[in-house]
Every structure is written in structure tokens, then in C-alpha cells.
Amino acid sequence: MAGTFLNLSDNDQEEAPVPKIGAGLKRKKKASRPRANAEAVAAAGRANGFNRSTDTAQPSPAPRRGRPPLNEDMTYWRIYVSSDLRNRLNELRDQEGRRLNDVLADMLAAYEDGKVK
């Protein structure tokens, strides 16, 4: 049974008249593709804020307070805001080194204080 699988014939010494399964794949040539331009790929990545360098990351301008304590009840909330408002909130967060949650809580308190008067 050399070279056969589940062959029920008694004649194990003769070669099979049909080609073996997968034999055509060995002769099949792969189509060659041109290599990607590494500079163009890197430029496209930099345009979208992706950098392929292995240098150490630059520290953020103002360190934030970090994650909330484990006992603080937090909820994920997905909202859609304009990009200008998002950028301004992130700048305020980074300047003061606070979490965005704290900035929004202070904004709500200021709004409620102004509304009461």
C-alpha cells in the first residue's frame, strides 16, 4: 500500500492511471505582484496619525489624574459631538491634567449654578 490511501484493490505495486490529487497545484505558477512602496505607506500612515517608528513615545504635555478609583461607579456612554467641541474639551482636559469626567462634572455644576440665579 505504498502511496495509496483507502485503496481497496489488491494490486498495490502498479501506479494509478489517474494523476494524484493535488499534483496540478505543484505546476501552477503564482502571479507576481509588485511590492508596496514603503515611503508611500508610511506617508499615508503619518497623515492618519499612525507612526511606524520604534522610538519611545513622547510624554503627554500634562499628566492626567488617571483612572477612577475601583469603588467609583462609572458607566460607558457613547455620544456624538462635533469635532470642534471634542477638540476643545480635550485641550481643556490636557491643560488641567484632569479626566474628562471631572471636566464635564464641573461644567454641569457651573451650568446648574448659573441656571439657579
C-alpha atoms as a PDB file:
ATOM      1  CA  MET A   1       0.000   0.000   0.000  1.00  0.00           C
ATOM      2  CA  ALA A   2       2.815   2.370  -0.761  1.00  0.00           C
ATOM      3  CA  GLY A   3       1.473   5.812  -1.584  1.00  0.00           C
ATOM      4  CA  THR A   4      -2.221   4.952  -1.520  1.00  0.00           C
ATOM      5  CA  PHE A   5      -4.975   5.751   0.890  1.00  0.00           C
ATOM      6  CA  LEU A   6      -8.078   3.630   1.285  1.00  0.00           C
ATOM      7  CA  ASN A   7      -7.231   1.713  -1.845  1.00  0.00           C
ATOM      8  CA  LEU A   8      -9.386  -1.400  -1.912  1.00  0.00           C
ATOM      9  CA  SER A   9      -7.676  -3.027  -4.868  1.00  0.00           C
ATOM     10  CA  ASP A  10      -5.283  -5.927  -4.365  1.00  0.00           C
ATOM     11  CA  ASN A  11      -2.765  -4.550  -6.829  1.00  0.00           C
ATOM     12  CA  ASP A  12      -0.511  -2.299  -4.722  1.00  0.00           C
ATOM     13  CA  GLN A  13       2.534  -2.410  -6.998  1.00  0.00           C
ATOM     14  CA  GLU A  14       1.088  -0.634 -10.057  1.00  0.00           C
ATOM     15  CA  GLU A  15       0.916   3.120 -10.372  1.00  0.00           C
ATOM     16  CA  ALA A  16      -2.566   4.577 -10.575  1.00  0.00           C
ATOM     17  CA  PRO A  17      -3.505   5.630 -14.118  1.00  0.00           C
ATOM     18  CA  VAL A  18      -5.041   8.904 -12.917  1.00  0.00           C
ATOM     19  CA  PRO A  19      -2.835  11.673 -11.560  1.00  0.00           C
ATOM     20  CA  LYS A  20      -2.664  12.056  -7.812  1.00  0.00           C
ATOM     21  CA  ILE A  21      -4.878  14.586  -6.111  1.00  0.00           C
ATOM     22  CA  GLY A  22      -3.146  17.950  -5.791  1.00  0.00           C
ATOM     23  CA  ALA A  23      -0.479  17.194  -8.386  1.00  0.00           C
ATOM     24  CA  GLY A  24      -1.702  20.094 -10.516  1.00  0.00           C
ATOM     25  CA  LEU A  25      -1.020  22.563  -7.738  1.00  0.00           C
ATOM     26  CA  LYS A  26       2.718  21.953  -7.941  1.00  0.00           C
ATOM     27  CA  ARG A  27       2.832  23.095 -11.556  1.00  0.00           C
ATOM     28  CA  LYS A  28       0.620  26.136 -11.034  1.00  0.00           C
ATOM     29  CA  LYS A  29       2.586  29.396 -11.130  1.00  0.00           C
ATOM     30  CA  LYS A  30       1.731  32.256  -8.810  1.00  0.00           C
ATOM     31  CA  ALA A  31       1.075  35.655 -10.315  1.00  0.00           C
ATOM     32  CA  SER A  32       3.754  38.086  -9.232  1.00  0.00           C
ATOM     33  CA  ARG A  33       2.640  41.290  -7.555  1.00  0.00           C
ATOM     34  CA  PRO A  34       4.706  44.449  -7.282  1.00  0.00           C
ATOM     35  CA  ARG A  35       5.934  45.342  -3.801  1.00  0.00           C
ATOM     36  CA  ALA A  36       4.269  48.201  -1.986  1.00  0.00           C
ATOM     37  CA  ASN A  37       6.155  51.476  -1.827  1.00  0.00           C
ATOM     38  CA  ALA A  38       7.253  51.702   1.825  1.00  0.00           C
ATOM     39  CA  GLU A  39       7.570  55.504   1.739  1.00  0.00           C
ATOM     40  CA  ALA A  40       4.031  55.936   0.379  1.00  0.00           C
ATOM     41  CA  VAL A  41       2.620  53.585   3.009  1.00  0.00           C
ATOM     42  CA  ALA A  42       4.464  55.435   5.787  1.00  0.00           C
ATOM     43  CA  ALA A  43       3.284  58.819   4.471  1.00  0.00           C
ATOM     44  CA  ALA A  44      -0.328  57.629   4.394  1.00  0.00           C
ATOM     45  CA  GLY A  45       0.035  56.367   7.954  1.00  0.00           C
ATOM     46  CA  ARG A  46       1.520  59.638   9.191  1.00  0.00           C
ATOM     47  CA  ALA A  47      -1.388  61.526   7.605  1.00  0.00           C
ATOM     48  CA  ASN A  48      -3.769  59.481   9.743  1.00  0.00           C
ATOM     49  CA  GLY A  49      -1.753  59.756  12.946  1.00  0.00           C
ATOM     50  CA  PHE A  50       0.000  56.379  12.716  1.00  0.00           C
ATOM     51  CA  ASN A  51       3.755  56.246  13.134  1.00  0.00           C
ATOM     52  CA  ARG A  52       5.805  53.126  12.400  1.00  0.00           C
ATOM     53  CA  SER A  53       8.876  54.262  14.299  1.00  0.00           C
ATOM     54  CA  THR A  54      10.108  52.274  17.274  1.00  0.00           C
ATOM     55  CA  ASP A  55      11.234  55.338  19.204  1.00  0.00           C
ATOM     56  CA  THR A  56       9.926  55.935  22.702  1.00  0.00           C
ATOM     57  CA  ALA A  57       6.605  57.732  22.853  1.00  0.00           C
ATOM     58  CA  GLN A  58       6.562  61.413  23.705  1.00  0.00           C
ATOM     59  CA  PRO A  59       5.037  62.085  27.118  1.00  0.00           C
ATOM     60  CA  SER A  60       1.730  63.943  27.157  1.00  0.00           C
ATOM     61  CA  PRO A  61       2.007  67.667  27.931  1.00  0.00           C
ATOM     62  CA  ALA A  62       0.089  67.437  31.205  1.00  0.00           C
ATOM     63  CA  PRO A  63      -0.265  64.211  33.157  1.00  0.00           C
ATOM     64  CA  ARG A  64      -3.845  63.282  33.942  1.00  0.00           C
ATOM     65  CA  ARG A  65      -5.122  62.063  37.258  1.00  0.00           C
ATOM     66  CA  GLY A  66      -5.589  58.571  35.881  1.00  0.00           C
ATOM     67  CA  ARG A  67      -8.359  56.080  36.130  1.00  0.00           C
ATOM     68  CA  PRO A  68     -11.156  56.388  38.671  1.00  0.00           C
ATOM     69  CA  PRO A  69     -10.901  54.508  41.945  1.00  0.00           C
ATOM     70  CA  LEU A  70     -12.172  50.949  41.860  1.00  0.00           C
ATOM     71  CA  ASN A  71     -15.179  51.783  44.031  1.00  0.00           C
ATOM     72  CA  GLU A  72     -16.352  54.675  41.847  1.00  0.00           C
ATOM     73  CA  ASP A  73     -19.383  53.701  39.794  1.00  0.00           C
ATOM     74  CA  MET A  74     -18.672  54.510  36.138  1.00  0.00           C
ATOM     75  CA  THR A  75     -20.767  53.851  33.024  1.00  0.00           C
ATOM     76  CA  TYR A  76     -19.702  53.748  29.382  1.00  0.00           C
ATOM     77  CA  TRP A  77     -21.667  56.364  27.483  1.00  0.00           C
ATOM     78  CA  ARG A  78     -21.284  56.833  23.742  1.00  0.00           C
ATOM     79  CA  ILE A  79     -22.298  60.248  22.483  1.00  0.00           C
ATOM     80  CA  TYR A  80     -21.767  62.086  19.228  1.00  0.00           C
ATOM     81  CA  VAL A  81     -20.330  65.589  19.436  1.00  0.00           C
ATOM     82  CA  SER A  82     -18.865  67.911  16.853  1.00  0.00           C
ATOM     83  CA  SER A  83     -15.149  67.561  16.252  1.00  0.00           C
ATOM     84  CA  ASP A  84     -14.568  71.181  17.313  1.00  0.00           C
ATOM     85  CA  LEU A  85     -16.259  70.615  20.682  1.00  0.00           C
ATOM     86  CA  ARG A  86     -14.358  67.382  21.184  1.00  0.00           C
ATOM     87  CA  ASN A  87     -11.031  69.072  20.442  1.00  0.00           C
ATOM     88  CA  ARG A  88     -11.805  71.965  22.809  1.00  0.00           C
ATOM     89  CA  LEU A  89     -12.807  69.568  25.616  1.00  0.00           C
ATOM     90  CA  ASN A  90      -9.648  67.520  25.085  1.00  0.00           C
ATOM     91  CA  GLU A  91      -7.497  70.673  25.181  1.00  0.00           C
ATOM     92  CA  LEU A  92      -9.137  71.716  28.442  1.00  0.00           C
ATOM     93  CA  ARG A  93      -8.626  68.215  29.840  1.00  0.00           C
ATOM     94  CA  ASP A  94      -4.949  68.175  28.832  1.00  0.00           C
ATOM     95  CA  GLN A  95      -4.216  71.696  30.102  1.00  0.00           C
ATOM     96  CA  GLU A  96      -5.549  70.977  33.562  1.00  0.00           C
ATOM     97  CA  GLY A  97      -4.408  67.358  33.724  1.00  0.00           C
ATOM     98  CA  ARG A  98      -7.851  66.096  34.652  1.00  0.00           C
ATOM     99  CA  ARG A  99     -10.109  63.332  33.479  1.00  0.00           C
ATOM    100  CA  LEU A 100     -12.811  64.295  31.015  1.00  0.00           C
ATOM    101  CA  ASN A 101     -15.373  63.020  33.515  1.00  0.00           C
ATOM    102  CA  ASP A 102     -14.175  65.628  36.044  1.00  0.00           C
ATOM    103  CA  VAL A 103     -14.287  68.413  33.445  1.00  0.00           C
ATOM    104  CA  LEU A 104     -17.864  67.511  32.498  1.00  0.00           C
ATOM    105  CA  ALA A 105     -18.928  67.280  36.152  1.00  0.00           C
ATOM    106  CA  ASP A 106     -17.535  70.785  36.823  1.00  0.00           C
ATOM    107  CA  MET A 107     -19.246  72.109  33.692  1.00  0.00           C
ATOM    108  CA  LEU A 108     -22.580  70.661  34.852  1.00  0.00           C
ATOM    109  CA  ALA A 109     -22.154  72.195  38.313  1.00  0.00           C
ATOM    110  CA  ALA A 110     -21.346  75.598  36.775  1.00  0.00           C
ATOM    111  CA  TYR A 111     -24.354  75.325  34.468  1.00  0.00           C
ATOM    112  CA  GLU A 112     -26.682  74.453  37.342  1.00  0.00           C
ATOM    113  CA  ASP A 113     -25.313  77.326  39.472  1.00  0.00           C
ATOM    114  CA  GLY A 114     -25.931  79.771  36.628  1.00  0.00           C
ATOM    115  CA  LYS A 115     -29.406  78.373  35.998  1.00  0.00           C
ATOM    116  CA  VAL A 116     -30.498  78.834  39.654  1.00  0.00           C
ATOM    117  CA  LYS A 117     -29.669  82.551  39.758  1.00  0.00           C
END
